Protein backbone atom coordinates (compact mmCIF):
# COMPACT_ATOMS: atom_id res chain seq x y z
CA MET A 1 0.00 0.00 0.00
CA ALA A 2 2.94 2.30 0.63
CA GLU A 3 4.11 1.72 -2.94
CA GLN A 4 0.61 2.52 -4.13
CA LYS A 5 0.59 5.90 -2.36
CA ASN A 6 4.12 6.66 -3.54
CA SER A 7 3.30 5.95 -7.18
CA LYS A 8 0.16 8.08 -6.97
CA ALA A 9 2.11 10.98 -5.53
CA LYS A 10 4.88 10.83 -8.11
CA PHE A 11 3.06 9.80 -11.23
CA ASP A 12 -0.43 10.35 -12.61
CA ILE A 13 -0.37 9.82 -16.36
CA VAL A 14 -4.09 9.05 -16.57
CA ALA A 15 -5.04 12.34 -14.92
CA HIS A 16 -3.67 14.20 -17.96
CA LYS A 17 -5.35 11.97 -20.54
CA ARG A 18 -7.10 14.85 -22.31
CA LYS A 19 -3.80 16.62 -22.93
CA PHE A 20 -2.11 13.46 -24.18
CA ILE A 21 -4.97 12.70 -26.58
CA PHE A 22 -5.22 16.33 -27.71
CA ILE A 23 -1.63 16.44 -28.99
CA PRO A 24 -2.02 13.68 -31.66
CA VAL A 25 -5.36 15.18 -32.72
CA VAL A 26 -3.75 18.59 -33.30
CA LEU A 27 -0.86 16.95 -35.15
CA PHE A 28 -3.31 15.08 -37.39
CA VAL A 29 -5.23 18.25 -38.25
CA CYS A 30 -1.99 20.12 -39.02
CA LEU A 31 -0.84 17.22 -41.19
CA LEU A 32 -4.06 17.30 -43.22
CA ILE A 33 -3.82 21.07 -43.73
CA PHE A 34 -0.13 20.99 -44.64
CA THR A 35 -0.62 18.09 -47.06
CA PHE A 36 -3.60 19.80 -48.70
CA ILE A 37 -1.63 23.02 -49.21
CA PHE A 38 1.84 21.73 -50.13
CA GLY A 39 1.27 18.10 -51.11
CA ALA A 40 3.70 15.23 -50.56
CA GLU A 41 7.00 14.34 -52.20
CA VAL A 42 6.23 10.88 -53.61
CA SER A 43 8.88 8.77 -55.32
CA ILE A 44 8.40 7.60 -58.87
CA GLU A 45 8.48 4.08 -57.44
CA PHE A 46 4.81 4.82 -56.67
CA THR A 47 3.82 7.39 -59.29
CA GLY A 48 5.84 6.21 -62.29
CA GLY A 49 8.61 7.97 -64.21
CA THR A 50 12.29 7.67 -65.13
CA ILE A 51 15.41 7.40 -62.98
CA LEU A 52 18.76 8.30 -64.54
CA THR A 53 21.95 7.45 -62.66
CA TYR A 54 25.23 9.16 -63.51
CA SER A 55 28.71 8.66 -62.14
CA TYR A 56 30.98 11.64 -61.57
CA THR A 57 34.32 12.64 -60.09
CA GLY A 58 35.38 15.56 -57.92
CA GLU A 59 32.91 17.85 -56.15
CA LEU A 60 29.49 18.49 -57.69
CA ASP A 61 27.02 21.18 -56.59
CA ILE A 62 23.73 19.27 -56.48
CA ASN A 63 21.64 22.43 -56.41
CA GLN A 64 23.33 23.77 -59.51
CA ALA A 65 22.93 20.40 -61.22
CA ALA A 66 19.21 20.40 -60.41
CA SER A 67 18.87 23.93 -61.82
CA GLU A 68 20.62 22.94 -65.05
CA ILE A 69 18.30 19.96 -65.53
CA GLU A 70 15.17 21.98 -64.67
CA SER A 71 16.16 24.51 -67.32
CA LEU A 72 15.46 21.82 -69.94
CA ASP A 73 11.76 21.98 -68.95
CA LEU A 74 11.15 18.22 -68.95
CA GLY A 75 8.67 18.22 -66.05
CA GLY A 76 9.11 17.59 -62.35
CA VAL A 77 12.61 16.43 -61.43
CA ASN A 78 14.31 15.36 -58.20
CA VAL A 79 18.10 15.23 -57.98
CA THR A 80 19.97 13.35 -55.25
CA THR A 81 23.52 12.15 -54.74
CA GLY A 82 24.87 8.82 -53.59
CA SER A 83 27.84 6.51 -53.82
CA VAL A 84 28.76 2.89 -54.53
CA PHE A 85 29.34 0.94 -51.31
CA ASN A 86 33.03 0.21 -50.61
CA SER A 87 34.06 2.28 -53.63
CA ASP A 88 35.18 5.81 -54.50
CA ILE A 89 32.57 6.07 -57.26
CA LYS A 90 30.13 8.95 -56.72
CA LEU A 91 26.61 8.92 -58.16
CA ILE A 92 23.95 11.47 -58.99
CA ASN A 93 20.36 10.26 -59.41
CA VAL A 94 17.95 12.24 -61.58
CA ALA A 95 14.27 11.25 -61.19
CA PHE A 96 11.61 12.51 -63.60
CA SER A 97 7.95 12.14 -62.64
CA SER A 98 6.11 11.24 -65.82
CA ASN A 99 3.37 8.84 -66.93
CA GLU A 100 5.25 7.94 -70.12
CA GLY A 101 8.87 8.44 -69.06
CA ILE A 102 11.34 10.45 -71.09
CA SER A 103 12.24 9.72 -74.70
CA ALA A 104 15.66 8.68 -76.02
CA GLU A 105 16.13 12.17 -77.42
CA GLN A 106 15.35 13.76 -74.07
CA LEU A 107 17.75 11.33 -72.39
CA ARG A 108 20.54 12.40 -74.75
CA SER A 109 19.63 16.04 -74.08
CA VAL A 110 19.94 15.62 -70.29
CA THR A 111 23.22 13.71 -70.56
CA GLY A 112 24.71 16.18 -73.01
CA HIS A 113 23.63 19.17 -70.94
CA LEU A 114 25.18 17.77 -67.77
CA THR A 115 28.49 16.89 -69.44
CA GLU A 116 28.69 20.37 -71.00
CA SER A 117 27.76 22.16 -67.78
CA PHE A 118 30.21 20.18 -65.61
CA PRO A 119 33.09 19.17 -67.90
CA GLU A 120 35.55 18.78 -65.02
CA ASN A 121 33.38 16.13 -63.26
CA ASN A 122 33.55 13.44 -66.00
CA ILE A 123 29.80 12.75 -65.82
CA ALA A 124 28.73 9.46 -67.44
CA LEU A 125 25.39 7.65 -67.63
CA VAL A 126 25.51 4.29 -65.80
CA ASP A 127 21.82 3.34 -65.49
CA ASN A 128 18.45 4.23 -66.99
CA LYS A 129 15.26 2.85 -65.44
CA ASN A 130 11.63 3.51 -66.38
CA VAL A 131 8.77 2.83 -63.95
CA SER A 132 5.24 2.77 -65.34
CA PRO A 133 2.36 4.18 -63.25
CA SER A 134 0.73 0.73 -63.12
CA THR A 135 3.93 -0.81 -61.76
CA GLY A 136 4.21 1.94 -59.17
CA MET A 137 0.59 1.40 -58.11
CA ARG A 138 1.16 -2.34 -57.74
CA PHE A 139 4.21 -1.66 -55.58
CA PHE A 140 2.19 0.74 -53.43
CA LEU A 141 -0.62 -1.80 -53.00
CA LYS A 142 1.87 -4.48 -51.98
CA CYS A 143 3.29 -2.15 -49.32
CA LEU A 144 -0.23 -1.35 -48.13
CA VAL A 145 -1.03 -5.05 -47.84
CA ALA A 146 2.15 -5.53 -45.78
CA PHE A 147 1.01 -2.76 -43.40
CA VAL A 148 -2.49 -4.16 -43.00
CA PHE A 149 -1.17 -7.70 -42.50
CA ALA A 150 1.27 -6.46 -39.83
CA PHE A 151 -1.51 -4.56 -38.04
CA ILE A 152 -3.76 -7.64 -38.03
CA LEU A 153 -0.99 -9.87 -36.67
CA PHE A 154 -0.24 -7.38 -33.90
CA ILE A 155 -3.88 -7.22 -32.84
CA ILE A 156 -4.27 -11.01 -32.81
CA TYR A 157 -1.03 -11.53 -30.88
CA ILE A 158 -1.84 -8.95 -28.20
CA ALA A 159 -5.46 -10.08 -27.95
CA PHE A 160 -4.44 -13.67 -27.13
CA ARG A 161 -1.47 -12.75 -24.97
CA PHE A 162 -3.41 -10.30 -22.79
CA LYS A 163 -6.79 -11.98 -22.47
CA LYS A 164 -6.99 -11.01 -18.79
CA LEU A 165 -6.70 -7.32 -19.70
CA GLY A 166 -9.51 -7.32 -22.23
CA GLY A 167 -8.30 -9.35 -25.20
CA TRP A 168 -9.33 -7.75 -28.46
CA SER A 169 -9.90 -4.34 -26.93
CA THR A 170 -6.31 -4.35 -25.69
CA GLY A 171 -5.11 -5.14 -29.22
CA VAL A 172 -7.15 -2.26 -30.60
CA PHE A 173 -5.62 0.18 -28.09
CA ALA A 174 -2.14 -0.96 -29.13
CA LEU A 175 -3.17 -0.48 -32.76
CA ILE A 176 -4.26 3.11 -32.05
CA GLY A 177 -0.80 3.82 -30.65
CA LEU A 178 0.79 2.33 -33.78
CA LEU A 179 -1.39 4.48 -36.01
CA VAL A 180 -0.26 7.58 -34.12
CA ASP A 181 3.37 6.55 -34.63
CA VAL A 182 2.78 6.03 -38.36
CA MET A 183 1.13 9.45 -38.52
CA VAL A 184 4.19 11.01 -36.87
CA VAL A 185 6.50 9.38 -39.42
CA VAL A 186 4.29 10.58 -42.27
CA SER A 187 4.36 14.07 -40.74
CA VAL A 188 8.17 14.08 -40.74
CA PHE A 189 8.26 13.18 -44.44
CA ILE A 190 5.61 15.81 -45.26
CA TYR A 191 6.92 18.69 -43.13
CA PHE A 192 10.58 18.25 -44.13
CA ARG A 193 9.78 17.52 -47.77
CA LEU A 194 11.39 14.09 -47.76
CA THR A 195 10.61 11.77 -50.63
CA MET A 196 8.26 8.90 -49.80
CA ASP A 197 9.77 5.78 -51.30
CA ALA A 198 10.79 2.27 -50.21
CA ILE A 199 12.79 3.83 -47.36
CA PHE A 200 9.57 5.34 -46.03
CA MET A 201 7.99 1.88 -45.92
CA ALA A 202 11.04 0.47 -44.11
CA VAL A 203 10.91 3.25 -41.49
CA VAL A 204 7.20 2.70 -40.80
CA LEU A 205 7.58 -1.07 -40.37
CA ALA A 206 10.63 -0.62 -38.12
CA ILE A 207 8.83 1.92 -35.93
CA MET A 208 5.86 -0.41 -35.64
CA GLY A 209 8.17 -3.12 -34.32
CA TYR A 210 9.79 -0.86 -31.73
CA SER A 211 6.50 0.64 -30.59
CA ILE A 212 4.68 -2.66 -30.20
CA ASN A 213 7.59 -4.04 -28.19
CA ASN A 214 7.32 -1.11 -25.75
CA THR A 215 3.56 -1.57 -25.53
CA ILE A 216 3.92 -5.27 -24.75
CA ILE A 217 6.34 -4.43 -21.91
CA LEU A 218 3.80 -2.01 -20.43
CA TYR A 219 0.90 -4.44 -20.75
CA ASP A 220 2.99 -7.15 -19.10
CA ARG A 221 3.50 -4.83 -16.13
CA ILE A 222 -0.20 -4.03 -15.95
CA ARG A 223 -1.10 -7.72 -16.03
CA GLU A 224 1.40 -8.61 -13.31
CA ASN A 225 0.33 -5.73 -11.08
CA LYS A 226 -3.32 -6.55 -11.65
CA THR A 227 -2.66 -10.03 -10.26
CA LEU A 228 -0.48 -8.73 -7.43
CA TYR A 229 -2.79 -5.93 -6.28
CA VAL A 230 -6.11 -7.54 -7.15
CA LYS A 231 -9.00 -5.58 -5.58
CA ARG A 232 -6.48 -3.40 -3.68
CA MET A 233 -5.70 -0.92 -6.43
CA ALA A 234 -7.95 0.90 -8.89
CA ASN A 235 -7.23 0.58 -12.61
CA ARG A 236 -6.09 4.20 -12.79
CA GLU A 237 -3.50 3.69 -10.04
CA LEU A 238 -2.57 0.32 -11.54
CA VAL A 239 -1.62 1.90 -14.86
CA ASN A 240 0.25 4.78 -13.22
CA LEU A 241 2.32 2.27 -11.24
CA SER A 242 2.97 0.12 -14.33
CA VAL A 243 4.07 3.12 -16.38
CA ARG A 244 6.48 4.20 -13.66
CA GLN A 245 7.94 0.69 -13.42
CA SER A 246 8.47 0.34 -17.20
CA LEU A 247 9.60 3.95 -17.73
CA THR A 248 13.33 3.42 -17.15
CA ARG A 249 13.60 0.34 -19.34
CA THR A 250 11.60 1.90 -22.17
CA ILE A 251 13.61 5.12 -22.18
CA ASN A 252 16.99 3.39 -21.88
CA THR A 253 16.20 1.07 -24.78
CA THR A 254 15.04 3.95 -26.93
CA VAL A 255 17.90 6.32 -26.04
CA THR A 256 20.48 3.73 -27.09
CA THR A 257 19.00 3.39 -30.57
CA ALA A 258 18.10 7.08 -30.84
CA ALA A 259 21.69 8.13 -30.10
CA ALA A 260 22.98 6.03 -32.99
CA LEU A 261 20.30 7.44 -35.30
CA LEU A 262 21.15 10.99 -34.22
CA VAL A 263 24.81 10.44 -35.10
CA LEU A 264 23.79 8.98 -38.47
CA SER A 265 21.56 11.98 -39.16
CA ILE A 266 24.33 14.46 -38.33
CA VAL A 267 26.85 12.61 -40.52
CA ALA A 268 24.31 12.41 -43.36
CA VAL A 269 23.73 16.17 -43.18
CA ILE A 270 27.46 16.95 -43.11
CA PHE A 271 28.26 14.73 -46.10
CA ASN A 272 24.93 15.35 -47.89
CA VAL A 273 23.93 11.68 -48.00
CA ASN A 274 20.18 11.99 -48.48
CA THR A 275 19.46 8.27 -48.53
CA ILE A 276 20.77 7.78 -45.00
CA LEU A 277 19.15 10.98 -43.76
CA ASN A 278 15.75 9.95 -45.16
CA PHE A 279 15.94 6.81 -43.01
CA ALA A 280 17.73 7.93 -39.85
CA PHE A 281 15.89 11.18 -39.10
CA PRO A 282 12.27 9.92 -39.47
CA MET A 283 13.30 6.81 -37.54
CA LEU A 284 14.63 8.99 -34.72
CA ILE A 285 11.39 10.98 -34.46
CA GLY A 286 9.36 7.78 -34.73
CA LEU A 287 11.21 6.24 -31.78
CA ILE A 288 10.38 9.26 -29.64
CA SER A 289 6.77 8.99 -30.73
CA GLY A 290 6.76 5.28 -29.81
CA VAL A 291 7.77 6.12 -26.24
CA TYR A 292 5.03 8.75 -26.07
CA THR A 293 2.24 6.50 -27.37
CA THR A 294 3.29 3.62 -25.12
CA LEU A 295 3.60 5.55 -21.87
CA CYS A 296 0.91 8.19 -22.40
CA LEU A 297 -1.74 6.60 -24.62
CA SER A 298 -1.83 2.79 -24.53
CA GLY A 299 -2.39 2.44 -20.79
CA THR A 300 -4.63 5.51 -20.69
CA PHE A 301 -6.96 4.09 -23.33
CA TRP A 302 -7.16 0.83 -21.38
CA VAL A 303 -8.17 2.69 -18.19
CA MET A 304 -10.79 4.72 -20.07
CA TRP A 305 -12.27 1.52 -21.51
CA GLN A 306 -12.34 -0.24 -18.14
CA GLU A 307 -13.99 2.75 -16.45
CA ARG A 308 -16.54 2.89 -19.26
CA LYS A 309 -17.42 -0.77 -18.73
CA VAL A 310 -17.78 -0.26 -14.99
CA ALA A 311 -20.03 2.77 -15.53
CA LYS A 312 -22.13 0.85 -18.02
CA LYS A 313 -22.62 -2.05 -15.59
CA ALA A 314 -23.52 0.34 -12.79
CA LYS A 315 -26.10 2.01 -15.00
CA ILE A 316 -27.68 -1.32 -15.89
């Protein structure tokens, strides 16, 4: 009972439930408004188009290269740099968003313009790939199926593992937390104008794994404490105690991974490696979101549901 009073004095997550729920709602509304006004940067892997890959030597100003290509007026273009792993070869990727791709003549025009504009960089075409809109749509649908399948598996697993806490309802609460985490990742890509491609899918699935692991740890604590303090502790105090007990482990696990991602993000910014930055930075923000949804939402939703059931029974 002393531990019960101590936990209540130090920690009361459930008491601030309205604030914790209000924050994701505001974020969602802002995301809708921002997306409606500015749109999203979607890779041609989903929309269709052409990707040209060139090798080059020396130092190349990517902004100037993008301006030179845009001056050809061939439609929307996205220019990024990269490199060949374990090699000194540097690459520049030029992506054109188009339903039909670019013609052979336009390809020669882009290549010729780049070689003339940057003669000291020895630019050479190494790859040319066209993606049709139908292929991009099929790829998007496959990714969507993977998301839905992962969500269903998470719900089933949590429902059976935590039958004593409510079963399917517990799985749904965990799913709500995952959806908030996915929304946060989408927000990062939208707000910072990052291109949504296969990396985006990888980040979302990775965040889902981290977040569900944290949620399972919390629910394990709630289940154990529910057995230990049966009829001696209200659900609200039970969740507050469980959150406090799992807080250190959850934060320590997240900080370890987040520190590595932060270093990767800084290095990617310094060396202008967009591919790594597009993975590391959204992943970093998603990890922070996973801690928030686990500690502030998952247990809170469970308490709200339990109190609703009690009130309904009392009314009957």
